[in-house]
Amino acid sequence: MSTDGITLHRGLSGVYFDRTETTFIDGKEGKLLYRGYNIHDLAGVSTFEETSCLLMHGELPTQAQLDDFDATLKANREIPSEVVNIIRAVQNDHPMSVLRTAVSALSAFDPEAADNSSEATLRKGIRLTAQVPTIVMAHHNIRNDRAPVPPSKTLSHAANFLYMMEGEEPTVETAALMDTDFVLHADHGSNASAFTA
């Protein structure tokens, strides 16, 4: 077998392995763009819900689209009791392992499990966006010997996350800080840990 013409690039230096229209990162220049919008223009002004719409749909939503998206998130926050029981069973595992296991278990309850169309995949992503904070906070409470706090049907995504931590509504300032954190971490291109040398 000939290896002529093969160039080995260690650590992916000089190798393009992914292209995305979603996120652009230039660490040297300190740039992070979501769908062409500078993160500095989004953080502190845009909400996680609005930023999620931007990332998922390619453009900032109208107020009606944002209201619909927000209502969909709020309506899909709960997780089945069977998934909570699985979280209890694996509560001492690493949090990422618990999250992976719980998300996998959710697929058994997915009403669109057999539908792999683009539209159904987007709806699944929205449901997961709503349910992942519930999983994370259920695990947090269970491993701290507390009952999981059911998600709020009225609070924002960020405020609900904090609410499920202790069962108390966060202050406006604390919720705003969490919202900014969620916007900053909404996407970052590709999973860097998958490509470490």
N, C-alpha and C. Protein backbone atom coordinates (compact mmCIF):
# COMPACT_ATOMS: atom_id res chain seq x y z
N MET A 1 0.84 -1.17 0.00
CA MET A 1 0.00 0.00 0.00
C MET A 1 0.89 1.24 0.00
N SER A 2 0.67 2.13 -0.92
CA SER A 2 1.47 3.33 -1.06
C SER A 2 0.91 4.45 -0.18
N THR A 3 1.80 5.23 0.39
CA THR A 3 1.39 6.39 1.18
C THR A 3 1.83 7.68 0.50
N ASP A 4 2.20 7.59 -0.78
CA ASP A 4 2.60 8.78 -1.52
C ASP A 4 1.45 9.79 -1.55
N GLY A 5 1.77 11.04 -1.33
CA GLY A 5 0.77 12.09 -1.41
C GLY A 5 -0.05 12.29 -0.14
N ILE A 6 0.20 11.51 0.88
CA ILE A 6 -0.53 11.67 2.14
C ILE A 6 0.26 12.58 3.06
N THR A 7 -0.41 13.61 3.58
CA THR A 7 0.23 14.53 4.51
C THR A 7 -0.43 14.34 5.88
N LEU A 8 0.39 14.10 6.87
CA LEU A 8 -0.11 13.93 8.23
C LEU A 8 -0.05 15.27 8.94
N HIS A 9 -1.19 15.71 9.46
CA HIS A 9 -1.28 16.98 10.20
C HIS A 9 -1.55 16.66 11.66
N ARG A 10 -0.58 16.85 12.50
CA ARG A 10 -0.76 16.58 13.92
C ARG A 10 -1.57 17.70 14.58
N GLY A 11 -2.49 17.30 15.45
CA GLY A 11 -3.29 18.28 16.18
C GLY A 11 -4.23 19.08 15.30
N LEU A 12 -4.47 18.64 14.09
CA LEU A 12 -5.35 19.29 13.13
C LEU A 12 -4.85 20.65 12.67
N SER A 13 -3.59 20.97 12.92
CA SER A 13 -3.03 22.23 12.45
C SER A 13 -3.09 22.26 10.93
N GLY A 14 -3.73 23.29 10.37
CA GLY A 14 -3.84 23.43 8.93
C GLY A 14 -4.90 22.55 8.30
N VAL A 15 -5.70 21.87 9.10
CA VAL A 15 -6.73 20.97 8.58
C VAL A 15 -8.10 21.58 8.85
N TYR A 16 -8.92 21.62 7.80
CA TYR A 16 -10.30 22.06 7.96
C TYR A 16 -11.16 20.81 8.07
N PHE A 17 -11.81 20.65 9.19
CA PHE A 17 -12.62 19.45 9.41
C PHE A 17 -14.10 19.77 9.47
N ASP A 18 -14.45 21.04 9.49
CA ASP A 18 -15.83 21.41 9.68
C ASP A 18 -16.09 22.78 9.07
N ARG A 19 -17.29 22.95 8.55
CA ARG A 19 -17.74 24.26 8.10
C ARG A 19 -19.13 24.46 8.68
N THR A 20 -19.37 25.65 9.15
CA THR A 20 -20.68 25.93 9.74
C THR A 20 -21.10 27.35 9.41
N GLU A 21 -22.37 27.53 9.23
CA GLU A 21 -22.94 28.86 9.06
C GLU A 21 -23.45 29.40 10.39
N THR A 22 -23.36 28.58 11.42
CA THR A 22 -23.94 28.94 12.70
C THR A 22 -23.02 29.84 13.52
N THR A 23 -21.78 29.42 13.68
CA THR A 23 -20.86 30.12 14.57
C THR A 23 -19.51 30.32 13.91
N PHE A 24 -18.93 31.50 14.13
CA PHE A 24 -17.58 31.78 13.67
C PHE A 24 -16.76 32.18 14.89
N ILE A 25 -15.61 31.54 15.05
CA ILE A 25 -14.73 31.84 16.17
C ILE A 25 -13.35 32.19 15.64
N ASP A 26 -12.82 33.30 16.11
CA ASP A 26 -11.43 33.67 15.84
C ASP A 26 -10.83 34.04 17.19
N GLY A 27 -10.21 33.04 17.82
CA GLY A 27 -9.66 33.23 19.15
C GLY A 27 -8.57 34.28 19.21
N LYS A 28 -7.74 34.36 18.17
CA LYS A 28 -6.65 35.34 18.16
C LYS A 28 -7.18 36.76 18.14
N GLU A 29 -8.26 36.97 17.41
CA GLU A 29 -8.85 38.31 17.30
C GLU A 29 -9.93 38.55 18.35
N GLY A 30 -10.27 37.51 19.10
CA GLY A 30 -11.31 37.66 20.11
C GLY A 30 -12.70 37.80 19.53
N LYS A 31 -12.95 37.13 18.41
CA LYS A 31 -14.25 37.23 17.74
C LYS A 31 -15.07 35.97 17.95
N LEU A 32 -16.33 36.17 18.25
CA LEU A 32 -17.31 35.10 18.30
C LEU A 32 -18.58 35.64 17.66
N LEU A 33 -18.99 35.02 16.56
CA LEU A 33 -20.18 35.45 15.85
C LEU A 33 -21.20 34.32 15.82
N TYR A 34 -22.45 34.66 16.09
CA TYR A 34 -23.56 33.72 15.91
C TYR A 34 -24.34 34.20 14.70
N ARG A 35 -24.33 33.41 13.64
CA ARG A 35 -25.08 33.76 12.42
C ARG A 35 -24.74 35.17 11.95
N GLY A 36 -23.48 35.57 12.11
CA GLY A 36 -23.03 36.88 11.67
C GLY A 36 -23.15 37.98 12.70
N TYR A 37 -23.81 37.73 13.80
CA TYR A 37 -23.97 38.73 14.87
C TYR A 37 -22.85 38.58 15.89
N ASN A 38 -22.19 39.68 16.20
CA ASN A 38 -21.12 39.68 17.18
C ASN A 38 -21.70 39.36 18.56
N ILE A 39 -21.02 38.50 19.28
CA ILE A 39 -21.49 38.10 20.61
C ILE A 39 -21.61 39.30 21.54
N HIS A 40 -20.77 40.32 21.32
CA HIS A 40 -20.84 41.53 22.15
C HIS A 40 -22.15 42.28 21.93
N ASP A 41 -22.72 42.14 20.73
CA ASP A 41 -24.01 42.78 20.44
C ASP A 41 -25.18 41.97 20.98
N LEU A 42 -24.97 40.67 21.18
CA LEU A 42 -26.04 39.81 21.68
C LEU A 42 -26.05 39.71 23.20
N ALA A 43 -24.88 39.53 23.80
CA ALA A 43 -24.79 39.32 25.25
C ALA A 43 -25.30 40.55 25.99
N GLY A 44 -26.19 40.32 26.92
CA GLY A 44 -26.73 41.41 27.72
C GLY A 44 -27.89 42.14 27.08
N VAL A 45 -28.14 41.88 25.79
CA VAL A 45 -29.25 42.52 25.09
C VAL A 45 -30.26 41.47 24.63
N SER A 46 -29.74 40.42 24.01
CA SER A 46 -30.58 39.32 23.54
C SER A 46 -30.80 38.34 24.68
N THR A 47 -31.92 37.66 24.65
CA THR A 47 -32.18 36.61 25.64
C THR A 47 -31.71 35.28 25.08
N PHE A 48 -31.62 34.28 25.95
CA PHE A 48 -31.28 32.95 25.48
C PHE A 48 -32.30 32.46 24.47
N GLU A 49 -33.58 32.73 24.73
CA GLU A 49 -34.63 32.29 23.82
C GLU A 49 -34.44 32.92 22.44
N GLU A 50 -34.15 34.22 22.39
CA GLU A 50 -33.96 34.90 21.11
C GLU A 50 -32.71 34.39 20.40
N THR A 51 -31.64 34.19 21.16
CA THR A 51 -30.40 33.67 20.59
C THR A 51 -30.59 32.25 20.07
N SER A 52 -31.34 31.44 20.78
CA SER A 52 -31.63 30.08 20.32
C SER A 52 -32.38 30.10 19.00
N CYS A 53 -33.37 30.98 18.89
CA CYS A 53 -34.10 31.13 17.62
C CYS A 53 -33.15 31.52 16.50
N LEU A 54 -32.27 32.46 16.78
CA LEU A 54 -31.28 32.88 15.79
C LEU A 54 -30.43 31.70 15.34
N LEU A 55 -29.91 30.94 16.28
CA LEU A 55 -29.06 29.80 15.93
C LEU A 55 -29.82 28.72 15.18
N MET A 56 -31.04 28.44 15.60
CA MET A 56 -31.81 27.35 14.99
C MET A 56 -32.41 27.71 13.63
N HIS A 57 -32.81 28.98 13.48
CA HIS A 57 -33.54 29.37 12.27
C HIS A 57 -32.74 30.27 11.33
N GLY A 58 -31.59 30.77 11.76
CA GLY A 58 -30.74 31.55 10.88
C GLY A 58 -30.98 33.04 10.89
N GLU A 59 -32.00 33.49 11.59
CA GLU A 59 -32.25 34.93 11.68
C GLU A 59 -32.95 35.23 13.00
N LEU A 60 -32.84 36.49 13.41
CA LEU A 60 -33.52 36.89 14.64
C LEU A 60 -35.02 36.78 14.45
N PRO A 61 -35.73 36.32 15.46
CA PRO A 61 -37.18 36.12 15.32
C PRO A 61 -37.95 37.43 15.43
N THR A 62 -39.14 37.43 14.84
CA THR A 62 -40.08 38.51 15.11
C THR A 62 -40.60 38.30 16.52
N GLN A 63 -41.31 39.27 17.05
CA GLN A 63 -41.85 39.12 18.40
C GLN A 63 -42.82 37.94 18.46
N ALA A 64 -43.63 37.77 17.42
CA ALA A 64 -44.59 36.65 17.40
C ALA A 64 -43.86 35.31 17.36
N GLN A 65 -42.79 35.22 16.57
CA GLN A 65 -42.00 33.98 16.50
C GLN A 65 -41.33 33.70 17.84
N LEU A 66 -40.81 34.74 18.48
CA LEU A 66 -40.16 34.59 19.77
C LEU A 66 -41.17 34.15 20.84
N ASP A 67 -42.35 34.74 20.83
CA ASP A 67 -43.39 34.35 21.79
C ASP A 67 -43.78 32.89 21.60
N ASP A 68 -43.89 32.45 20.35
CA ASP A 68 -44.25 31.06 20.06
C ASP A 68 -43.14 30.11 20.52
N PHE A 69 -41.89 30.47 20.25
CA PHE A 69 -40.75 29.66 20.66
C PHE A 69 -40.70 29.55 22.18
N ASP A 70 -40.87 30.68 22.86
CA ASP A 70 -40.86 30.71 24.32
C ASP A 70 -41.97 29.83 24.89
N ALA A 71 -43.15 29.91 24.32
CA ALA A 71 -44.28 29.08 24.78
C ALA A 71 -43.99 27.60 24.57
N THR A 72 -43.34 27.27 23.46
CA THR A 72 -42.99 25.87 23.17
C THR A 72 -41.98 25.36 24.19
N LEU A 73 -40.97 26.16 24.51
CA LEU A 73 -40.00 25.76 25.53
C LEU A 73 -40.70 25.51 26.86
N LYS A 74 -41.52 26.44 27.28
CA LYS A 74 -42.19 26.32 28.58
C LYS A 74 -43.10 25.10 28.64
N ALA A 75 -43.72 24.77 27.52
CA ALA A 75 -44.64 23.63 27.48
C ALA A 75 -43.93 22.28 27.47
N ASN A 76 -42.62 22.29 27.22
CA ASN A 76 -41.86 21.03 27.08
C ASN A 76 -40.78 20.84 28.12
N ARG A 77 -40.83 21.55 29.22
CA ARG A 77 -39.78 21.47 30.24
C ARG A 77 -39.82 20.21 31.09
N GLU A 78 -40.98 19.65 31.30
CA GLU A 78 -41.09 18.49 32.19
C GLU A 78 -40.44 17.27 31.56
N ILE A 79 -39.92 16.40 32.43
CA ILE A 79 -39.37 15.12 31.98
C ILE A 79 -40.18 14.00 32.62
N PRO A 80 -40.30 12.86 31.95
CA PRO A 80 -41.09 11.75 32.52
C PRO A 80 -40.50 11.26 33.85
N SER A 81 -41.37 10.78 34.72
CA SER A 81 -40.92 10.26 36.02
C SER A 81 -39.94 9.10 35.84
N GLU A 82 -40.10 8.34 34.76
CA GLU A 82 -39.18 7.24 34.49
C GLU A 82 -37.75 7.75 34.28
N VAL A 83 -37.62 8.91 33.66
CA VAL A 83 -36.30 9.50 33.45
C VAL A 83 -35.73 9.99 34.79
N VAL A 84 -36.58 10.55 35.63
CA VAL A 84 -36.14 10.97 36.97
C VAL A 84 -35.64 9.75 37.75
N ASN A 85 -36.33 8.62 37.62
CA ASN A 85 -35.90 7.40 38.31
C ASN A 85 -34.55 6.91 37.78
N ILE A 86 -34.31 7.06 36.50
CA ILE A 86 -33.01 6.69 35.93
C ILE A 86 -31.93 7.61 36.49
N ILE A 87 -32.23 8.89 36.60
CA ILE A 87 -31.27 9.84 37.19
C ILE A 87 -30.94 9.42 38.62
N ARG A 88 -31.96 9.01 39.37
CA ARG A 88 -31.72 8.53 40.75
C ARG A 88 -30.79 7.32 40.74
N ALA A 89 -31.01 6.42 39.79
CA ALA A 89 -30.22 5.18 39.74
C ALA A 89 -28.75 5.44 39.41
N VAL A 90 -28.47 6.51 38.67
CA VAL A 90 -27.08 6.78 38.25
C VAL A 90 -26.55 8.08 38.87
N GLN A 91 -27.17 8.52 39.96
CA GLN A 91 -26.85 9.82 40.55
C GLN A 91 -25.39 10.02 40.93
N ASN A 92 -24.67 8.94 41.20
CA ASN A 92 -23.27 9.07 41.61
C ASN A 92 -22.30 9.07 40.45
N ASP A 93 -22.81 8.91 39.23
CA ASP A 93 -21.95 8.97 38.05
C ASP A 93 -21.56 10.42 37.77
N HIS A 94 -20.62 10.59 36.85
CA HIS A 94 -20.21 11.93 36.43
C HIS A 94 -21.43 12.66 35.84
N PRO A 95 -21.59 13.95 36.11
CA PRO A 95 -22.76 14.68 35.59
C PRO A 95 -22.95 14.56 34.07
N MET A 96 -21.86 14.53 33.31
CA MET A 96 -22.01 14.38 31.86
C MET A 96 -22.54 13.00 31.50
N SER A 97 -22.14 11.99 32.24
CA SER A 97 -22.66 10.63 32.01
C SER A 97 -24.14 10.57 32.36
N VAL A 98 -24.52 11.23 33.44
CA VAL A 98 -25.94 11.27 33.83
C VAL A 98 -26.75 11.98 32.75
N LEU A 99 -26.24 13.10 32.26
CA LEU A 99 -26.94 13.85 31.22
C LEU A 99 -27.10 13.01 29.96
N ARG A 100 -26.02 12.37 29.53
CA ARG A 100 -26.07 11.52 28.34
C ARG A 100 -27.11 10.41 28.51
N THR A 101 -27.09 9.76 29.66
CA THR A 101 -28.01 8.66 29.93
C THR A 101 -29.46 9.14 29.94
N ALA A 102 -29.71 10.27 30.60
CA ALA A 102 -31.08 10.79 30.68
C ALA A 102 -31.59 11.24 29.32
N VAL A 103 -30.74 11.88 28.53
CA VAL A 103 -31.16 12.30 27.19
C VAL A 103 -31.46 11.07 26.33
N SER A 104 -30.63 10.05 26.44
CA SER A 104 -30.90 8.80 25.71
C SER A 104 -32.24 8.21 26.13
N ALA A 105 -32.52 8.23 27.44
CA ALA A 105 -33.79 7.69 27.94
C ALA A 105 -34.98 8.49 27.43
N LEU A 106 -34.81 9.79 27.25
CA LEU A 106 -35.91 10.62 26.74
C LEU A 106 -36.39 10.15 25.38
N SER A 107 -35.49 9.57 24.60
CA SER A 107 -35.88 9.13 23.25
C SER A 107 -37.00 8.09 23.29
N ALA A 108 -37.08 7.33 24.37
CA ALA A 108 -38.14 6.33 24.50
C ALA A 108 -39.52 6.99 24.65
N PHE A 109 -39.54 8.27 25.00
CA PHE A 109 -40.79 8.99 25.20
C PHE A 109 -41.03 10.03 24.11
N ASP A 110 -40.17 10.05 23.10
CA ASP A 110 -40.26 11.03 22.02
C ASP A 110 -41.43 10.69 21.10
N PRO A 111 -42.41 11.57 20.98
CA PRO A 111 -43.56 11.28 20.11
C PRO A 111 -43.19 11.22 18.63
N GLU A 112 -42.01 11.74 18.30
CA GLU A 112 -41.56 11.75 16.90
C GLU A 112 -40.29 10.92 16.70
N ALA A 113 -40.10 9.92 17.52
CA ALA A 113 -38.85 9.14 17.47
C ALA A 113 -38.57 8.57 16.08
N ALA A 114 -39.59 8.16 15.37
CA ALA A 114 -39.39 7.53 14.06
C ALA A 114 -39.31 8.54 12.92
N ASP A 115 -39.57 9.80 13.20
CA ASP A 115 -39.57 10.84 12.16
C ASP A 115 -38.22 11.54 12.15
N ASN A 116 -37.45 11.34 11.09
CA ASN A 116 -36.13 11.95 10.98
C ASN A 116 -36.11 13.10 9.98
N SER A 117 -37.27 13.66 9.68
CA SER A 117 -37.32 14.80 8.77
C SER A 117 -36.64 16.01 9.43
N SER A 118 -36.26 16.98 8.62
CA SER A 118 -35.62 18.19 9.15
C SER A 118 -36.54 18.90 10.13
N GLU A 119 -37.82 18.94 9.81
CA GLU A 119 -38.78 19.63 10.67
C GLU A 119 -38.89 18.94 12.03
N ALA A 120 -38.99 17.60 12.00
CA ALA A 120 -39.10 16.85 13.26
C ALA A 120 -37.81 16.96 14.07
N THR A 121 -36.68 16.95 13.38
CA THR A 121 -35.39 17.07 14.07
C THR A 121 -35.29 18.42 14.77
N LEU A 122 -35.77 19.48 14.13
CA LEU A 122 -35.78 20.80 14.76
C LEU A 122 -36.68 20.79 15.99
N ARG A 123 -37.85 20.20 15.88
CA ARG A 123 -38.76 20.13 17.04
C ARG A 123 -38.13 19.33 18.18
N LYS A 124 -37.42 18.25 17.85
CA LYS A 124 -36.73 17.46 18.88
C LYS A 124 -35.67 18.32 19.57
N GLY A 125 -34.95 19.10 18.79
CA GLY A 125 -33.93 19.99 19.36
C GLY A 125 -34.52 21.01 20.31
N ILE A 126 -35.68 21.54 19.94
CA ILE A 126 -36.35 22.51 20.81
C ILE A 126 -36.81 21.84 22.10
N ARG A 127 -37.36 20.63 21.98
CA ARG A 127 -37.78 19.91 23.20
C ARG A 127 -36.58 19.62 24.10
N LEU A 128 -35.47 19.20 23.50
CA LEU A 128 -34.27 18.94 24.31
C LEU A 128 -33.75 20.21 24.96
N THR A 129 -33.82 21.32 24.24
CA THR A 129 -33.41 22.60 24.81
C THR A 129 -34.24 22.91 26.05
N ALA A 130 -35.50 22.56 26.02
CA ALA A 130 -36.38 22.78 27.17
C ALA A 130 -36.11 21.80 28.30
N GLN A 131 -35.77 20.55 27.96
CA GLN A 131 -35.67 19.49 28.97
C GLN A 131 -34.29 19.33 29.60
N VAL A 132 -33.24 19.71 28.91
CA VAL A 132 -31.89 19.52 29.47
C VAL A 132 -31.72 20.26 30.80
N PRO A 133 -32.17 21.51 30.95
CA PRO A 133 -32.04 22.13 32.28
C PRO A 133 -32.78 21.37 33.37
N THR A 134 -33.91 20.77 33.04
CA THR A 134 -34.67 19.99 34.02
C THR A 134 -33.87 18.76 34.44
N ILE A 135 -33.22 18.12 33.48
CA ILE A 135 -32.37 16.97 33.78
C ILE A 135 -31.21 17.38 34.69
N VAL A 136 -30.53 18.45 34.31
CA VAL A 136 -29.36 18.92 35.06
C VAL A 136 -29.74 19.26 36.50
N MET A 137 -30.83 19.99 36.66
CA MET A 137 -31.23 20.39 38.01
C MET A 137 -31.83 19.23 38.80
N ALA A 138 -32.50 18.29 38.13
CA ALA A 138 -32.99 17.10 38.84
C ALA A 138 -31.80 16.33 39.40
N HIS A 139 -30.75 16.17 38.59
CA HIS A 139 -29.56 15.48 39.07
C HIS A 139 -28.91 16.25 40.22
N HIS A 140 -28.80 17.55 40.07
CA HIS A 140 -28.21 18.39 41.12
C HIS A 140 -28.94 18.17 42.45
N ASN A 141 -30.26 18.21 42.41
CA ASN A 141 -31.03 18.05 43.64
C ASN A 141 -30.97 16.63 44.19
N ILE A 142 -31.09 15.65 43.32
CA ILE A 142 -31.06 14.25 43.78
C ILE A 142 -29.72 13.92 44.44
N ARG A 143 -28.62 14.34 43.84
CA ARG A 143 -27.32 14.00 44.43
C ARG A 143 -27.04 14.81 45.69
N ASN A 144 -27.86 15.82 45.96
CA ASN A 144 -27.76 16.58 47.21
C ASN A 144 -28.90 16.23 48.16
N ASP A 145 -29.46 15.02 47.97
CA ASP A 145 -30.51 14.48 48.85
C ASP A 145 -31.74 15.36 48.96
N ARG A 146 -32.10 15.99 47.83
CA ARG A 146 -33.32 16.80 47.79
C ARG A 146 -34.20 16.30 46.65
N ALA A 147 -35.46 16.55 46.77
CA ALA A 147 -36.39 16.19 45.69
C ALA A 147 -36.21 17.16 44.53
N PRO A 148 -36.32 16.68 43.29
CA PRO A 148 -36.24 17.59 42.14
C PRO A 148 -37.36 18.64 42.22
N VAL A 149 -37.03 19.85 41.82
CA VAL A 149 -38.00 20.94 41.77
C VAL A 149 -38.63 20.93 40.38
N PRO A 150 -39.96 20.79 40.30
CA PRO A 150 -40.60 20.80 38.98
C PRO A 150 -40.35 22.14 38.27
N PRO A 151 -40.21 22.11 36.95
CA PRO A 151 -39.95 23.35 36.23
C PRO A 151 -41.14 24.31 36.27
N SER A 152 -40.83 25.58 36.17
CA SER A 152 -41.85 26.62 36.11
C SER A 152 -42.44 26.68 34.70
N LYS A 153 -43.69 27.02 34.62
CA LYS A 153 -44.34 27.19 33.32
C LYS A 153 -44.39 28.66 32.92
N THR A 154 -43.81 29.54 33.76
CA THR A 154 -43.90 30.97 33.48
C THR A 154 -42.54 31.67 33.39
N LEU A 155 -41.54 31.17 34.08
CA LEU A 155 -40.24 31.86 34.11
C LEU A 155 -39.48 31.70 32.80
N SER A 156 -38.56 32.63 32.56
CA SER A 156 -37.68 32.53 31.39
C SER A 156 -36.82 31.27 31.52
N HIS A 157 -36.15 30.92 30.44
CA HIS A 157 -35.29 29.73 30.45
C HIS A 157 -34.23 29.83 31.55
N ALA A 158 -33.56 30.98 31.61
CA ALA A 158 -32.49 31.16 32.61
C ALA A 158 -33.05 31.21 34.02
N ALA A 159 -34.13 31.95 34.22
CA ALA A 159 -34.72 32.06 35.56
C ALA A 159 -35.26 30.70 36.02
N ASN A 160 -35.82 29.93 35.11
CA ASN A 160 -36.32 28.60 35.45
C ASN A 160 -35.18 27.69 35.90
N PHE A 161 -34.04 27.76 35.22
CA PHE A 161 -32.87 26.96 35.60
C PHE A 161 -32.50 27.24 37.05
N LEU A 162 -32.41 28.51 37.39
CA LEU A 162 -32.06 28.89 38.77
C LEU A 162 -33.16 28.50 39.75
N TYR A 163 -34.41 28.66 39.34
CA TYR A 163 -35.54 28.28 40.19
C TYR A 163 -35.47 26.80 40.55
N MET A 164 -35.17 25.95 39.58
CA MET A 164 -35.13 24.51 39.84
C MET A 164 -33.97 24.12 40.76
N MET A 165 -32.99 24.99 40.90
CA MET A 165 -31.85 24.69 41.77
C MET A 165 -32.26 24.68 43.24
N GLU A 166 -33.07 25.65 43.65
CA GLU A 166 -33.42 25.78 45.07
C GLU A 166 -34.91 25.84 45.33
N GLY A 167 -35.73 26.00 44.28
CA GLY A 167 -37.17 26.13 44.48
C GLY A 167 -37.61 27.54 44.80
N GLU A 168 -36.71 28.50 44.59
CA GLU A 168 -37.03 29.91 44.83
C GLU A 168 -36.76 30.70 43.56
N GLU A 169 -37.65 31.65 43.25
CA GLU A 169 -37.43 32.48 42.08
C GLU A 169 -36.19 33.34 42.29
N PRO A 170 -35.33 33.42 41.28
CA PRO A 170 -34.13 34.25 41.42
C PRO A 170 -34.48 35.73 41.30
N THR A 171 -33.57 36.56 41.75
CA THR A 171 -33.75 38.00 41.55
C THR A 171 -33.65 38.30 40.06
N VAL A 172 -34.15 39.44 39.66
CA VAL A 172 -34.07 39.86 38.26
C VAL A 172 -32.61 39.93 37.82
N GLU A 173 -31.76 40.45 38.69
CA GLU A 173 -30.34 40.60 38.36
C GLU A 173 -29.66 39.24 38.18
N THR A 174 -29.95 38.30 39.07
CA THR A 174 -29.34 36.98 38.98
C THR A 174 -29.81 36.26 37.72
N ALA A 175 -31.10 36.36 37.42
CA ALA A 175 -31.63 35.74 36.20
C ALA A 175 -31.01 36.36 34.96
N ALA A 176 -30.79 37.67 34.98
CA ALA A 176 -30.16 38.34 33.83
C ALA A 176 -28.73 37.87 33.63
N LEU A 177 -28.00 37.68 34.72
CA LEU A 177 -26.63 37.16 34.62
C LEU A 177 -26.62 35.75 34.04
N MET A 178 -27.53 34.90 34.49
CA MET A 178 -27.60 33.53 33.96
C MET A 178 -28.00 33.56 32.49
N ASP A 179 -28.90 34.44 32.14
CA ASP A 179 -29.33 34.57 30.75
C ASP A 179 -28.14 34.95 29.86
N THR A 180 -27.34 35.90 30.31
CA THR A 180 -26.14 36.29 29.55
C THR A 180 -25.18 35.12 29.43
N ASP A 181 -25.01 34.37 30.51
CA ASP A 181 -24.15 33.19 30.46
C ASP A 181 -24.67 32.18 29.44
N PHE A 182 -25.97 31.95 29.43
CA PHE A 182 -26.55 31.02 28.45
C PHE A 182 -26.34 31.52 27.02
N VAL A 183 -26.46 32.82 26.80
CA VAL A 183 -26.23 33.38 25.46
C VAL A 183 -24.77 33.15 25.06
N LEU A 184 -23.85 33.42 25.97
CA LEU A 184 -22.43 33.25 25.67
C LEU A 184 -22.06 31.81 25.37
N HIS A 185 -22.76 30.86 25.98
CA HIS A 185 -22.44 29.44 25.81
C HIS A 185 -23.41 28.71 24.88
N ALA A 186 -24.26 29.43 24.18
CA ALA A 186 -25.28 28.79 23.34
C ALA A 186 -24.67 27.94 22.24
N ASP A 187 -23.54 28.34 21.71
CA ASP A 187 -22.88 27.55 20.66
C ASP A 187 -21.43 27.99 20.58
N HIS A 188 -20.59 27.06 20.16
CA HIS A 188 -19.19 27.43 19.97
C HIS A 188 -18.58 26.67 18.80
N GLY A 189 -19.37 26.38 17.79
CA GLY A 189 -18.83 25.71 16.61
C GLY A 189 -18.76 24.22 16.81
N SER A 190 -17.59 23.71 17.03
CA SER A 190 -17.39 22.27 17.17
C SER A 190 -16.84 21.93 18.55
N ASN A 191 -17.02 20.70 18.94
CA ASN A 191 -16.56 20.24 20.24
C ASN A 191 -15.04 20.08 20.21
N ALA A 192 -14.36 21.04 20.78
CA ALA A 192 -12.90 21.03 20.76
C ALA A 192 -12.31 19.80 21.42
N SER A 193 -12.95 19.30 22.46
CA SER A 193 -12.40 18.15 23.18
C SER A 193 -12.34 16.90 22.31
N ALA A 194 -13.17 16.86 21.27
CA ALA A 194 -13.16 15.69 20.38
C ALA A 194 -11.94 15.68 19.48
N PHE A 195 -11.23 16.81 19.40
CA PHE A 195 -10.12 16.92 18.47
C PHE A 195 -8.79 17.25 19.14
N THR A 196 -8.68 17.06 20.44
CA THR A 196 -7.41 17.32 21.10
C THR A 196 -6.40 16.26 20.73
N ALA A 197 -5.17 16.68 20.62
CA ALA A 197 -4.12 15.74 20.20
C ALA A 197 -3.46 15.11 21.40
